Amino acid sequence: MNILHIDCSPRTESHSRRLSAALVGKLLDGTPNASVSRRDLACVPMPHVASDYATALSSPATLAAPPNGSLEFSEMLIREVEAADAIVIGTPMYNLTVPSVLKAWIDRILRAGRTFASTPAGKVGMLRDRPVFVGIASGGVFSGERANQPDFLTPYLAVVLGNIGLKTVQFIPVQATAFLDRDQAASATAAAVATMDVTPVRRLPRPIAWDRRHAS
């Protein structure tokens, strides 16, 4: 099995990084021979969309004949997703939604004619479904009986990932991190990881070949 592990937090010792590492660890407990490919969107910043890529995506005609090299970075990121049998994303909740670096990654992997098809009924995903585990660290509380703020992160990710065919998505949050000391945070992370359902991973088809030409 090949795991794509994505982190977003600019803090090297963050709640979301500890949570995503624990989620990957749980997957490795069941499949110790799995390979892990890292994509750190903060330590190796994800560039936002530039003019050449925006031009390529602006119409079917420009997509058919894109500016030279404009799709190369997008293609590399999409191939990382395609090579993964499972994806783990660790992200903080920033201002009720995803950090800009995660949005920048999304803007590169959602590509008409490559990862989704536009139809009269809406977008149809073109990628094979695989389990996606999203570990969320939130300073406040956005779900459950104690929720005191809106949540635009989980519905947004569910829709955009679903648009490219990734529909088996689990959201695993650690909330109220602004009010947790180290021991409480460790307990909250362990409790969150315990809710992780690895059943979709056990049902994965025979492993596919993996292209190791990935960024660290």
N, C-alpha and C. Protein backbone atom coordinates (compact mmCIF):
# COMPACT_ATOMS: atom_id res chain seq x y z
N MET A 1 0.84 -1.19 0.00
CA MET A 1 0.00 0.00 0.00
C MET A 1 0.88 1.24 0.00
N ASN A 2 0.43 2.25 -0.70
CA ASN A 2 1.13 3.52 -0.80
C ASN A 2 0.28 4.61 -0.16
N ILE A 3 0.85 5.33 0.78
CA ILE A 3 0.14 6.38 1.52
C ILE A 3 0.70 7.73 1.12
N LEU A 4 -0.15 8.65 0.71
CA LEU A 4 0.25 10.03 0.48
C LEU A 4 -0.09 10.82 1.74
N HIS A 5 0.93 11.38 2.38
CA HIS A 5 0.77 12.10 3.65
C HIS A 5 1.00 13.59 3.39
N ILE A 6 -0.04 14.39 3.60
CA ILE A 6 0.00 15.83 3.32
C ILE A 6 -0.19 16.60 4.63
N ASP A 7 0.69 17.57 4.86
CA ASP A 7 0.55 18.48 5.99
C ASP A 7 0.46 19.91 5.51
N CYS A 8 -0.21 20.76 6.31
CA CYS A 8 -0.46 22.14 5.90
C CYS A 8 0.01 23.18 6.91
N SER A 9 0.18 22.79 8.15
CA SER A 9 0.44 23.77 9.20
C SER A 9 1.83 24.39 9.05
N PRO A 10 1.93 25.73 9.21
CA PRO A 10 3.25 26.37 9.18
C PRO A 10 4.06 26.10 10.44
N ARG A 11 3.42 25.56 11.48
CA ARG A 11 4.13 25.24 12.72
C ARG A 11 4.63 23.81 12.66
N THR A 12 5.92 23.63 12.90
CA THR A 12 6.48 22.28 12.81
C THR A 12 6.00 21.37 13.93
N GLU A 13 5.62 21.96 15.07
CA GLU A 13 5.08 21.18 16.19
C GLU A 13 3.63 21.60 16.42
N SER A 14 2.78 21.21 15.51
CA SER A 14 1.38 21.64 15.57
C SER A 14 0.47 20.47 15.90
N HIS A 15 -0.73 20.79 16.34
CA HIS A 15 -1.72 19.75 16.63
C HIS A 15 -2.07 18.96 15.37
N SER A 16 -2.22 19.64 14.25
CA SER A 16 -2.62 18.92 13.03
C SER A 16 -1.51 18.01 12.53
N ARG A 17 -0.25 18.42 12.70
CA ARG A 17 0.86 17.56 12.29
C ARG A 17 0.93 16.31 13.17
N ARG A 18 0.76 16.51 14.48
CA ARG A 18 0.79 15.34 15.37
C ARG A 18 -0.37 14.40 15.06
N LEU A 19 -1.52 14.99 14.75
CA LEU A 19 -2.69 14.16 14.44
C LEU A 19 -2.48 13.39 13.14
N SER A 20 -2.02 14.06 12.09
CA SER A 20 -1.84 13.36 10.82
C SER A 20 -0.78 12.26 10.94
N ALA A 21 0.29 12.53 11.71
CA ALA A 21 1.33 11.51 11.92
C ALA A 21 0.75 10.30 12.63
N ALA A 22 -0.14 10.54 13.60
CA ALA A 22 -0.77 9.43 14.31
C ALA A 22 -1.71 8.65 13.40
N LEU A 23 -2.38 9.33 12.48
CA LEU A 23 -3.27 8.64 11.53
C LEU A 23 -2.44 7.76 10.59
N VAL A 24 -1.33 8.30 10.11
CA VAL A 24 -0.45 7.48 9.27
C VAL A 24 0.08 6.29 10.07
N GLY A 25 0.42 6.55 11.33
CA GLY A 25 0.90 5.46 12.18
C GLY A 25 -0.11 4.34 12.33
N LYS A 26 -1.37 4.70 12.45
CA LYS A 26 -2.40 3.67 12.58
C LYS A 26 -2.52 2.85 11.29
N LEU A 27 -2.39 3.52 10.15
CA LEU A 27 -2.41 2.79 8.89
C LEU A 27 -1.21 1.84 8.79
N LEU A 28 -0.06 2.32 9.24
CA LEU A 28 1.15 1.48 9.17
C LEU A 28 1.08 0.30 10.14
N ASP A 29 0.34 0.46 11.24
CA ASP A 29 0.17 -0.66 12.15
C ASP A 29 -0.46 -1.85 11.45
N GLY A 30 -1.40 -1.57 10.53
CA GLY A 30 -2.08 -2.64 9.82
C GLY A 30 -1.35 -3.08 8.57
N THR A 31 -0.52 -2.21 8.01
CA THR A 31 0.22 -2.52 6.78
C THR A 31 1.65 -2.01 6.94
N PRO A 32 2.47 -2.69 7.74
CA PRO A 32 3.81 -2.19 8.07
C PRO A 32 4.74 -2.04 6.88
N ASN A 33 4.44 -2.70 5.78
CA ASN A 33 5.30 -2.60 4.60
C ASN A 33 4.86 -1.51 3.63
N ALA A 34 3.91 -0.70 4.05
CA ALA A 34 3.42 0.37 3.18
C ALA A 34 4.50 1.42 2.95
N SER A 35 4.43 2.07 1.79
CA SER A 35 5.31 3.20 1.48
C SER A 35 4.58 4.49 1.80
N VAL A 36 5.32 5.50 2.27
CA VAL A 36 4.73 6.80 2.59
C VAL A 36 5.42 7.87 1.77
N SER A 37 4.62 8.61 1.00
CA SER A 37 5.10 9.75 0.23
C SER A 37 4.65 11.03 0.92
N ARG A 38 5.59 11.96 1.18
CA ARG A 38 5.27 13.18 1.92
C ARG A 38 5.12 14.36 0.99
N ARG A 39 4.11 15.16 1.28
CA ARG A 39 3.94 16.44 0.59
C ARG A 39 3.64 17.46 1.68
N ASP A 40 4.63 18.29 2.01
CA ASP A 40 4.49 19.28 3.06
C ASP A 40 4.21 20.63 2.40
N LEU A 41 2.96 21.08 2.51
CA LEU A 41 2.54 22.29 1.81
C LEU A 41 2.99 23.56 2.50
N ALA A 42 3.55 23.44 3.70
CA ALA A 42 4.02 24.62 4.43
C ALA A 42 5.53 24.72 4.41
N CYS A 43 6.21 23.62 4.74
CA CYS A 43 7.68 23.64 4.74
C CYS A 43 8.24 23.76 3.32
N VAL A 44 7.55 23.19 2.37
CA VAL A 44 7.86 23.39 0.95
C VAL A 44 6.64 24.06 0.34
N PRO A 45 6.57 25.39 0.41
CA PRO A 45 5.33 26.11 0.11
C PRO A 45 4.76 25.79 -1.26
N MET A 46 3.45 25.62 -1.28
CA MET A 46 2.73 25.37 -2.51
C MET A 46 2.48 26.71 -3.23
N PRO A 47 3.03 26.88 -4.43
CA PRO A 47 2.80 28.15 -5.13
C PRO A 47 1.35 28.30 -5.54
N HIS A 48 0.85 29.50 -5.42
CA HIS A 48 -0.50 29.75 -5.88
C HIS A 48 -0.53 29.81 -7.41
N VAL A 49 -1.71 29.71 -7.95
CA VAL A 49 -1.87 29.65 -9.40
C VAL A 49 -1.29 30.90 -10.06
N ALA A 50 -0.45 30.68 -11.07
CA ALA A 50 0.16 31.78 -11.82
C ALA A 50 -0.56 31.96 -13.15
N SER A 51 -0.10 32.97 -13.89
CA SER A 51 -0.79 33.36 -15.12
C SER A 51 -0.85 32.24 -16.15
N ASP A 52 0.24 31.49 -16.33
CA ASP A 52 0.24 30.48 -17.38
C ASP A 52 -0.76 29.37 -17.10
N TYR A 53 -0.85 28.96 -15.82
CA TYR A 53 -1.80 27.90 -15.47
C TYR A 53 -3.24 28.41 -15.58
N ALA A 54 -3.48 29.62 -15.10
CA ALA A 54 -4.83 30.20 -15.20
C ALA A 54 -5.24 30.35 -16.66
N THR A 55 -4.29 30.73 -17.51
CA THR A 55 -4.58 30.85 -18.94
C THR A 55 -4.94 29.50 -19.54
N ALA A 56 -4.18 28.46 -19.16
CA ALA A 56 -4.44 27.12 -19.70
C ALA A 56 -5.84 26.65 -19.34
N LEU A 57 -6.31 26.99 -18.13
CA LEU A 57 -7.61 26.51 -17.66
C LEU A 57 -8.77 27.42 -18.07
N SER A 58 -8.49 28.48 -18.77
CA SER A 58 -9.53 29.49 -19.01
C SER A 58 -10.59 29.08 -20.01
N SER A 59 -10.30 28.09 -20.87
CA SER A 59 -11.29 27.67 -21.86
C SER A 59 -10.91 26.29 -22.39
N PRO A 60 -11.85 25.57 -23.01
CA PRO A 60 -11.49 24.28 -23.63
C PRO A 60 -10.40 24.43 -24.69
N ALA A 61 -10.40 25.55 -25.40
CA ALA A 61 -9.41 25.75 -26.45
C ALA A 61 -8.00 25.89 -25.87
N THR A 62 -7.87 26.66 -24.77
CA THR A 62 -6.54 26.82 -24.18
C THR A 62 -6.08 25.55 -23.47
N LEU A 63 -7.03 24.76 -22.96
CA LEU A 63 -6.66 23.48 -22.37
C LEU A 63 -6.16 22.51 -23.43
N ALA A 64 -6.71 22.60 -24.63
CA ALA A 64 -6.29 21.72 -25.72
C ALA A 64 -4.89 22.09 -26.21
N ALA A 65 -4.52 23.37 -26.07
CA ALA A 65 -3.20 23.83 -26.48
C ALA A 65 -2.66 24.77 -25.41
N PRO A 66 -2.28 24.22 -24.24
CA PRO A 66 -1.87 25.06 -23.12
C PRO A 66 -0.49 25.67 -23.33
N PRO A 67 -0.20 26.80 -22.65
CA PRO A 67 1.16 27.35 -22.72
C PRO A 67 2.18 26.30 -22.31
N ASN A 68 3.33 26.34 -22.95
CA ASN A 68 4.37 25.33 -22.72
C ASN A 68 4.74 25.24 -21.24
N GLY A 69 4.63 24.04 -20.69
CA GLY A 69 5.01 23.78 -19.31
C GLY A 69 4.00 24.20 -18.26
N SER A 70 2.88 24.76 -18.67
CA SER A 70 1.92 25.32 -17.71
C SER A 70 1.24 24.27 -16.86
N LEU A 71 1.15 23.04 -17.34
CA LEU A 71 0.42 21.99 -16.62
C LEU A 71 1.35 21.01 -15.91
N GLU A 72 2.66 21.21 -15.99
CA GLU A 72 3.60 20.21 -15.47
C GLU A 72 3.47 20.03 -13.96
N PHE A 73 3.39 21.13 -13.21
CA PHE A 73 3.31 21.02 -11.76
C PHE A 73 1.99 20.38 -11.35
N SER A 74 0.91 20.78 -11.99
CA SER A 74 -0.39 20.17 -11.74
C SER A 74 -0.34 18.68 -12.01
N GLU A 75 0.29 18.30 -13.09
CA GLU A 75 0.36 16.89 -13.46
C GLU A 75 1.14 16.10 -12.41
N MET A 76 2.21 16.67 -11.89
CA MET A 76 3.00 15.98 -10.87
C MET A 76 2.15 15.73 -9.62
N LEU A 77 1.38 16.73 -9.19
CA LEU A 77 0.55 16.59 -8.00
C LEU A 77 -0.56 15.57 -8.23
N ILE A 78 -1.15 15.59 -9.40
CA ILE A 78 -2.22 14.63 -9.71
C ILE A 78 -1.66 13.20 -9.72
N ARG A 79 -0.48 13.02 -10.26
CA ARG A 79 0.13 11.69 -10.29
C ARG A 79 0.43 11.18 -8.88
N GLU A 80 0.77 12.10 -7.96
CA GLU A 80 0.97 11.69 -6.57
C GLU A 80 -0.33 11.13 -5.99
N VAL A 81 -1.44 11.78 -6.31
CA VAL A 81 -2.74 11.30 -5.84
C VAL A 81 -3.07 9.96 -6.48
N GLU A 82 -2.84 9.86 -7.77
CA GLU A 82 -3.14 8.61 -8.48
C GLU A 82 -2.30 7.44 -7.97
N ALA A 83 -1.08 7.72 -7.55
CA ALA A 83 -0.19 6.65 -7.08
C ALA A 83 -0.53 6.19 -5.67
N ALA A 84 -1.34 6.95 -4.95
CA ALA A 84 -1.66 6.63 -3.56
C ALA A 84 -2.84 5.67 -3.48
N ASP A 85 -2.74 4.73 -2.54
CA ASP A 85 -3.87 3.86 -2.22
C ASP A 85 -4.70 4.46 -1.08
N ALA A 86 -4.08 5.32 -0.29
CA ALA A 86 -4.78 6.03 0.78
C ALA A 86 -4.10 7.38 0.95
N ILE A 87 -4.87 8.37 1.37
CA ILE A 87 -4.36 9.73 1.53
C ILE A 87 -4.67 10.20 2.95
N VAL A 88 -3.67 10.78 3.61
CA VAL A 88 -3.86 11.38 4.93
C VAL A 88 -3.53 12.86 4.81
N ILE A 89 -4.47 13.71 5.19
CA ILE A 89 -4.27 15.16 5.15
C ILE A 89 -4.38 15.69 6.57
N GLY A 90 -3.35 16.39 7.02
CA GLY A 90 -3.40 17.07 8.30
C GLY A 90 -3.54 18.56 8.07
N THR A 91 -4.58 19.17 8.63
CA THR A 91 -4.80 20.59 8.37
C THR A 91 -5.35 21.30 9.60
N PRO A 92 -4.88 22.51 9.87
CA PRO A 92 -5.58 23.33 10.86
C PRO A 92 -6.83 23.93 10.23
N MET A 93 -7.74 24.38 11.05
CA MET A 93 -8.88 25.15 10.56
C MET A 93 -8.53 26.63 10.73
N TYR A 94 -8.43 27.33 9.61
CA TYR A 94 -8.10 28.75 9.64
C TYR A 94 -9.34 29.56 9.27
N ASN A 95 -9.80 30.37 10.19
CA ASN A 95 -10.93 31.25 9.89
C ASN A 95 -12.09 30.48 9.27
N LEU A 96 -12.39 29.35 9.89
CA LEU A 96 -13.55 28.51 9.60
C LEU A 96 -13.37 27.60 8.38
N THR A 97 -12.18 27.66 7.73
CA THR A 97 -12.01 26.84 6.53
C THR A 97 -10.56 26.40 6.40
N VAL A 98 -10.15 26.03 5.17
CA VAL A 98 -8.82 25.47 4.95
C VAL A 98 -7.76 26.57 4.83
N PRO A 99 -6.49 26.27 5.16
CA PRO A 99 -5.41 27.23 4.91
C PRO A 99 -5.23 27.46 3.41
N SER A 100 -4.65 28.59 3.07
CA SER A 100 -4.49 28.94 1.66
C SER A 100 -3.58 27.96 0.93
N VAL A 101 -2.59 27.36 1.62
CA VAL A 101 -1.71 26.41 0.94
C VAL A 101 -2.45 25.14 0.54
N LEU A 102 -3.43 24.73 1.34
CA LEU A 102 -4.23 23.57 0.96
C LEU A 102 -5.15 23.91 -0.20
N LYS A 103 -5.69 25.11 -0.19
CA LYS A 103 -6.50 25.57 -1.33
C LYS A 103 -5.65 25.63 -2.59
N ALA A 104 -4.40 26.05 -2.47
CA ALA A 104 -3.52 26.10 -3.64
C ALA A 104 -3.29 24.70 -4.21
N TRP A 105 -3.14 23.70 -3.32
CA TRP A 105 -3.00 22.31 -3.77
C TRP A 105 -4.27 21.86 -4.49
N ILE A 106 -5.41 22.17 -3.90
CA ILE A 106 -6.69 21.81 -4.51
C ILE A 106 -6.83 22.42 -5.89
N ASP A 107 -6.43 23.69 -6.01
CA ASP A 107 -6.55 24.38 -7.30
C ASP A 107 -5.70 23.73 -8.39
N ARG A 108 -4.68 22.98 -7.99
CA ARG A 108 -3.83 22.30 -8.97
C ARG A 108 -4.33 20.90 -9.32
N ILE A 109 -5.04 20.25 -8.40
CA ILE A 109 -5.45 18.87 -8.69
C ILE A 109 -6.87 18.79 -9.26
N LEU A 110 -7.64 19.84 -9.15
CA LEU A 110 -8.94 19.88 -9.81
C LEU A 110 -8.75 20.49 -11.20
N ARG A 111 -8.75 19.61 -12.21
CA ARG A 111 -8.46 20.07 -13.56
C ARG A 111 -9.42 19.43 -14.55
N ALA A 112 -10.15 20.28 -15.24
CA ALA A 112 -11.14 19.80 -16.21
C ALA A 112 -10.48 18.92 -17.26
N GLY A 113 -11.12 17.80 -17.54
CA GLY A 113 -10.62 16.89 -18.56
C GLY A 113 -9.52 15.97 -18.07
N ARG A 114 -9.05 16.21 -16.83
CA ARG A 114 -7.97 15.38 -16.28
C ARG A 114 -8.41 14.66 -15.01
N THR A 115 -8.99 15.41 -14.07
CA THR A 115 -9.47 14.78 -12.84
C THR A 115 -10.99 14.87 -12.70
N PHE A 116 -11.62 15.69 -13.50
CA PHE A 116 -13.08 15.70 -13.52
C PHE A 116 -13.57 16.07 -14.91
N ALA A 117 -14.78 15.60 -15.21
CA ALA A 117 -15.43 15.94 -16.47
C ALA A 117 -16.62 16.83 -16.16
N SER A 118 -16.78 17.88 -16.94
CA SER A 118 -17.93 18.77 -16.79
C SER A 118 -19.09 18.22 -17.61
N THR A 119 -20.22 18.01 -16.95
CA THR A 119 -21.41 17.48 -17.61
C THR A 119 -22.59 18.40 -17.30
N PRO A 120 -23.70 18.26 -18.02
CA PRO A 120 -24.87 19.08 -17.71
C PRO A 120 -25.35 18.90 -16.28
N ALA A 121 -25.04 17.74 -15.68
CA ALA A 121 -25.47 17.48 -14.30
C ALA A 121 -24.45 17.95 -13.27
N GLY A 122 -23.30 18.45 -13.75
CA GLY A 122 -22.25 18.90 -12.84
C GLY A 122 -20.95 18.15 -13.07
N LYS A 123 -20.00 18.33 -12.17
CA LYS A 123 -18.69 17.69 -12.30
C LYS A 123 -18.78 16.20 -11.96
N VAL A 124 -18.08 15.39 -12.74
CA VAL A 124 -18.00 13.95 -12.51
C VAL A 124 -16.52 13.59 -12.35
N GLY A 125 -16.18 12.96 -11.22
CA GLY A 125 -14.80 12.61 -10.95
C GLY A 125 -14.25 11.59 -11.91
N MET A 126 -12.97 11.75 -12.28
CA MET A 126 -12.31 10.85 -13.22
C MET A 126 -11.24 9.98 -12.54
N LEU A 127 -10.99 10.21 -11.24
CA LEU A 127 -9.99 9.42 -10.53
C LEU A 127 -10.65 8.26 -9.80
N ARG A 128 -9.86 7.20 -9.60
CA ARG A 128 -10.32 6.07 -8.80
C ARG A 128 -10.51 6.50 -7.35
N ASP A 129 -11.60 6.10 -6.74
CA ASP A 129 -11.82 6.40 -5.33
C ASP A 129 -10.80 5.66 -4.49
N ARG A 130 -10.40 6.29 -3.37
CA ARG A 130 -9.51 5.67 -2.39
C ARG A 130 -9.78 6.35 -1.06
N PRO A 131 -9.46 5.73 0.07
CA PRO A 131 -9.75 6.35 1.36
C PRO A 131 -8.92 7.61 1.58
N VAL A 132 -9.60 8.65 2.07
CA VAL A 132 -8.94 9.90 2.44
C VAL A 132 -9.27 10.19 3.90
N PHE A 133 -8.24 10.36 4.71
CA PHE A 133 -8.42 10.64 6.13
C PHE A 133 -7.93 12.07 6.39
N VAL A 134 -8.85 12.93 6.83
CA VAL A 134 -8.52 14.34 7.04
C VAL A 134 -8.48 14.62 8.54
N GLY A 135 -7.28 14.83 9.07
CA GLY A 135 -7.12 15.19 10.47
C GLY A 135 -7.18 16.70 10.62
N ILE A 136 -8.12 17.19 11.42
CA ILE A 136 -8.35 18.63 11.55
C ILE A 136 -8.05 19.06 12.98
N ALA A 137 -7.24 20.11 13.11
CA ALA A 137 -7.02 20.73 14.41
C ALA A 137 -7.68 22.10 14.41
N SER A 138 -8.52 22.31 15.40
CA SER A 138 -9.27 23.58 15.47
C SER A 138 -9.12 24.18 16.85
N GLY A 139 -8.77 25.47 16.90
CA GLY A 139 -8.67 26.15 18.18
C GLY A 139 -10.00 26.28 18.88
N GLY A 140 -11.09 26.35 18.10
CA GLY A 140 -12.44 26.41 18.64
C GLY A 140 -13.15 25.08 18.48
N VAL A 141 -14.46 25.13 18.64
CA VAL A 141 -15.29 23.92 18.53
C VAL A 141 -16.29 24.14 17.39
N PHE A 142 -16.22 23.28 16.37
CA PHE A 142 -17.07 23.46 15.19
C PHE A 142 -18.08 22.34 14.99
N SER A 143 -18.00 21.27 15.80
CA SER A 143 -18.96 20.18 15.66
C SER A 143 -19.33 19.64 17.02
N GLY A 144 -20.47 18.95 17.07
CA GLY A 144 -20.93 18.39 18.33
C GLY A 144 -21.78 19.37 19.12
N GLU A 145 -22.18 18.95 20.31
CA GLU A 145 -23.09 19.74 21.12
C GLU A 145 -22.50 21.07 21.57
N ARG A 146 -21.16 21.15 21.67
CA ARG A 146 -20.51 22.36 22.15
C ARG A 146 -20.08 23.30 21.02
N ALA A 147 -20.50 23.00 19.81
CA ALA A 147 -20.08 23.82 18.67
C ALA A 147 -20.49 25.28 18.86
N ASN A 148 -19.54 26.16 18.64
CA ASN A 148 -19.82 27.59 18.79
C ASN A 148 -19.33 28.41 17.60
N GLN A 149 -19.05 27.72 16.48
CA GLN A 149 -18.64 28.43 15.27
C GLN A 149 -19.05 27.61 14.05
N PRO A 150 -19.21 28.27 12.90
CA PRO A 150 -19.55 27.54 11.67
C PRO A 150 -18.39 26.68 11.19
N ASP A 151 -18.71 25.75 10.32
CA ASP A 151 -17.72 24.86 9.71
C ASP A 151 -17.87 24.93 8.21
N PHE A 152 -16.93 25.60 7.54
CA PHE A 152 -16.91 25.62 6.08
C PHE A 152 -15.81 24.71 5.52
N LEU A 153 -15.06 24.07 6.41
CA LEU A 153 -13.95 23.23 5.98
C LEU A 153 -14.42 21.85 5.53
N THR A 154 -15.16 21.14 6.39
CA THR A 154 -15.51 19.76 6.04
C THR A 154 -16.47 19.66 4.86
N PRO A 155 -17.51 20.51 4.76
CA PRO A 155 -18.36 20.38 3.57
C PRO A 155 -17.62 20.76 2.29
N TYR A 156 -16.73 21.74 2.39
CA TYR A 156 -15.96 22.15 1.21
C TYR A 156 -15.06 21.02 0.73
N LEU A 157 -14.27 20.42 1.64
CA LEU A 157 -13.38 19.34 1.24
C LEU A 157 -14.15 18.13 0.73
N ALA A 158 -15.29 17.82 1.35
CA ALA A 158 -16.08 16.68 0.89
C ALA A 158 -16.52 16.88 -0.55
N VAL A 159 -16.91 18.10 -0.89
CA VAL A 159 -17.39 18.38 -2.25
C VAL A 159 -16.24 18.38 -3.25
N VAL A 160 -15.15 19.10 -2.96
CA VAL A 160 -14.08 19.21 -3.96
C VAL A 160 -13.38 17.88 -4.17
N LEU A 161 -13.17 17.11 -3.09
CA LEU A 161 -12.57 15.79 -3.27
C LEU A 161 -13.51 14.86 -4.02
N GLY A 162 -14.80 14.95 -3.69
CA GLY A 162 -15.79 14.15 -4.41
C GLY A 162 -15.85 14.49 -5.88
N ASN A 163 -15.59 15.76 -6.22
CA ASN A 163 -15.65 16.18 -7.62
C ASN A 163 -14.60 15.49 -8.49
N ILE A 164 -13.51 15.01 -7.88
CA ILE A 164 -12.50 14.31 -8.68
C ILE A 164 -12.57 12.80 -8.49
N GLY A 165 -13.55 12.34 -7.71
CA GLY A 165 -13.76 10.90 -7.53
C GLY A 165 -13.40 10.36 -6.17
N LEU A 166 -12.87 11.21 -5.28
CA LEU A 166 -12.47 10.75 -3.94
C LEU A 166 -13.65 10.95 -3.00
N LYS A 167 -14.44 9.91 -2.83
CA LYS A 167 -15.68 10.00 -2.08
C LYS A 167 -15.63 9.33 -0.71
N THR A 168 -14.60 8.51 -0.49
CA THR A 168 -14.47 7.80 0.79
C THR A 168 -13.61 8.66 1.72
N VAL A 169 -14.22 9.68 2.30
CA VAL A 169 -13.50 10.68 3.09
C VAL A 169 -13.96 10.61 4.55
N GLN A 170 -12.99 10.53 5.45
CA GLN A 170 -13.27 10.58 6.89
C GLN A 170 -12.64 11.84 7.48
N PHE A 171 -13.41 12.58 8.27
CA PHE A 171 -12.91 13.76 8.97
C PHE A 171 -12.71 13.40 10.44
N ILE A 172 -11.49 13.63 10.92
CA ILE A 172 -11.12 13.23 12.27
C ILE A 172 -10.58 14.46 12.98
N PRO A 173 -11.40 15.14 13.79
CA PRO A 173 -10.98 16.41 14.38
C PRO A 173 -10.45 16.29 15.81
N VAL A 174 -9.55 17.22 16.13
CA VAL A 174 -9.19 17.53 17.51
C VAL A 174 -9.56 18.99 17.70
N GLN A 175 -10.52 19.25 18.61
CA GLN A 175 -11.08 20.58 18.73
C GLN A 175 -10.66 21.26 20.04
N ALA A 176 -10.88 22.56 20.07
CA ALA A 176 -10.57 23.38 21.25
C ALA A 176 -9.10 23.29 21.62
N THR A 177 -8.23 23.20 20.61
CA THR A 177 -6.80 23.05 20.89
C THR A 177 -6.21 24.28 21.60
N ALA A 178 -6.85 25.43 21.44
CA ALA A 178 -6.35 26.65 22.10
C ALA A 178 -6.44 26.55 23.62
N PHE A 179 -7.21 25.59 24.10
CA PHE A 179 -7.45 25.49 25.55
C PHE A 179 -6.89 24.19 26.14
N LEU A 180 -6.08 23.46 25.38
CA LEU A 180 -5.54 22.19 25.84
C LEU A 180 -4.07 22.32 26.20
N ASP A 181 -3.69 21.74 27.33
CA ASP A 181 -2.26 21.65 27.63
C ASP A 181 -1.70 20.44 26.91
N ARG A 182 -0.40 20.18 27.06
CA ARG A 182 0.23 19.11 26.29
C ARG A 182 -0.40 17.74 26.57
N ASP A 183 -0.64 17.43 27.84
CA ASP A 183 -1.22 16.13 28.19
C ASP A 183 -2.64 16.00 27.66
N GLN A 184 -3.41 17.08 27.77
CA GLN A 184 -4.78 17.05 27.26
C GLN A 184 -4.78 16.90 25.75
N ALA A 185 -3.86 17.59 25.09
CA ALA A 185 -3.77 17.49 23.63
C ALA A 185 -3.42 16.07 23.20
N ALA A 186 -2.50 15.44 23.92
CA ALA A 186 -2.12 14.07 23.60
C ALA A 186 -3.30 13.12 23.76
N SER A 187 -4.07 13.33 24.83
CA SER A 187 -5.25 12.48 25.07
C SER A 187 -6.31 12.71 23.99
N ALA A 188 -6.49 13.98 23.60
CA ALA A 188 -7.48 14.31 22.57
C ALA A 188 -7.08 13.71 21.23
N THR A 189 -5.78 13.74 20.93
CA THR A 189 -5.31 13.15 19.67
C THR A 189 -5.52 11.64 19.67
N ALA A 190 -5.19 11.00 20.77
CA ALA A 190 -5.39 9.54 20.87
C ALA A 190 -6.86 9.18 20.73
N ALA A 191 -7.73 9.97 21.35
CA ALA A 191 -9.16 9.70 21.26
C ALA A 191 -9.65 9.88 19.82
N ALA A 192 -9.12 10.89 19.13
CA ALA A 192 -9.53 11.12 17.74
C ALA A 192 -9.07 9.97 16.85
N VAL A 193 -7.83 9.53 17.01
CA VAL A 193 -7.30 8.44 16.20
C VAL A 193 -8.10 7.16 16.43
N ALA A 194 -8.59 6.98 17.65
CA ALA A 194 -9.37 5.78 17.96
C ALA A 194 -10.67 5.71 17.16
N THR A 195 -11.15 6.86 16.67
CA THR A 195 -12.39 6.88 15.89
C THR A 195 -12.14 6.56 14.42
N MET A 196 -10.90 6.47 14.02
CA MET A 196 -10.54 6.24 12.62
C MET A 196 -11.00 4.85 12.18
N ASP A 197 -11.76 4.79 11.11
CA ASP A 197 -12.25 3.53 10.57
C ASP A 197 -11.35 3.10 9.43
N VAL A 198 -10.56 2.06 9.64
CA VAL A 198 -9.62 1.61 8.62
C VAL A 198 -10.23 0.53 7.72
N THR A 199 -11.52 0.27 7.86
CA THR A 199 -12.17 -0.75 7.03
C THR A 199 -11.98 -0.49 5.54
N PRO A 200 -12.14 0.78 5.06
CA PRO A 200 -11.94 1.00 3.62
C PRO A 200 -10.54 0.64 3.14
N VAL A 201 -9.54 0.75 4.01
CA VAL A 201 -8.17 0.40 3.63
C VAL A 201 -8.04 -1.11 3.48
N ARG A 202 -8.68 -1.85 4.37
CA ARG A 202 -8.62 -3.31 4.28
C ARG A 202 -9.28 -3.82 3.00
N ARG A 203 -10.17 -3.02 2.45
CA ARG A 203 -10.89 -3.45 1.25
C ARG A 203 -10.23 -2.98 -0.03
N LEU A 204 -9.05 -2.38 0.08
CA LEU A 204 -8.37 -1.88 -1.11
C LEU A 204 -8.06 -3.01 -2.08
N PRO A 205 -8.08 -2.71 -3.38
CA PRO A 205 -7.69 -3.72 -4.37
C PRO A 205 -6.21 -3.98 -4.31
N ARG A 206 -5.76 -4.92 -5.10
CA ARG A 206 -4.34 -5.26 -5.17
C ARG A 206 -3.52 -4.01 -5.42
N PRO A 207 -2.42 -3.79 -4.68
CA PRO A 207 -1.63 -2.57 -4.83
C PRO A 207 -1.21 -2.31 -6.26
N ILE A 208 -1.23 -1.03 -6.64
CA ILE A 208 -0.80 -0.63 -7.97
C ILE A 208 0.67 -0.22 -7.93
N ALA A 209 1.28 -0.17 -9.10
CA ALA A 209 2.68 0.27 -9.17
C ALA A 209 2.77 1.72 -8.73
N TRP A 210 3.86 2.05 -8.08
CA TRP A 210 4.03 3.40 -7.51
C TRP A 210 5.21 4.09 -8.16
N ASP A 211 4.99 5.31 -8.63
CA ASP A 211 6.05 6.13 -9.18
C ASP A 211 6.71 6.87 -8.03
N ARG A 212 7.98 6.59 -7.74
CA ARG A 212 8.65 7.18 -6.60
C ARG A 212 9.18 8.59 -6.88
N ARG A 213 8.90 9.13 -8.03
CA ARG A 213 9.41 10.47 -8.32
C ARG A 213 8.50 11.52 -7.68
N HIS A 214 8.54 11.60 -6.37
CA HIS A 214 7.68 12.52 -5.65
C HIS A 214 8.52 13.50 -4.86
N ALA A 215 7.87 14.61 -4.49
CA ALA A 215 8.58 15.62 -3.68
C ALA A 215 8.56 15.21 -2.23
N SER A 216 9.60 15.57 -1.50
CA SER A 216 9.65 15.26 -0.07
C SER A 216 9.21 16.46 0.74
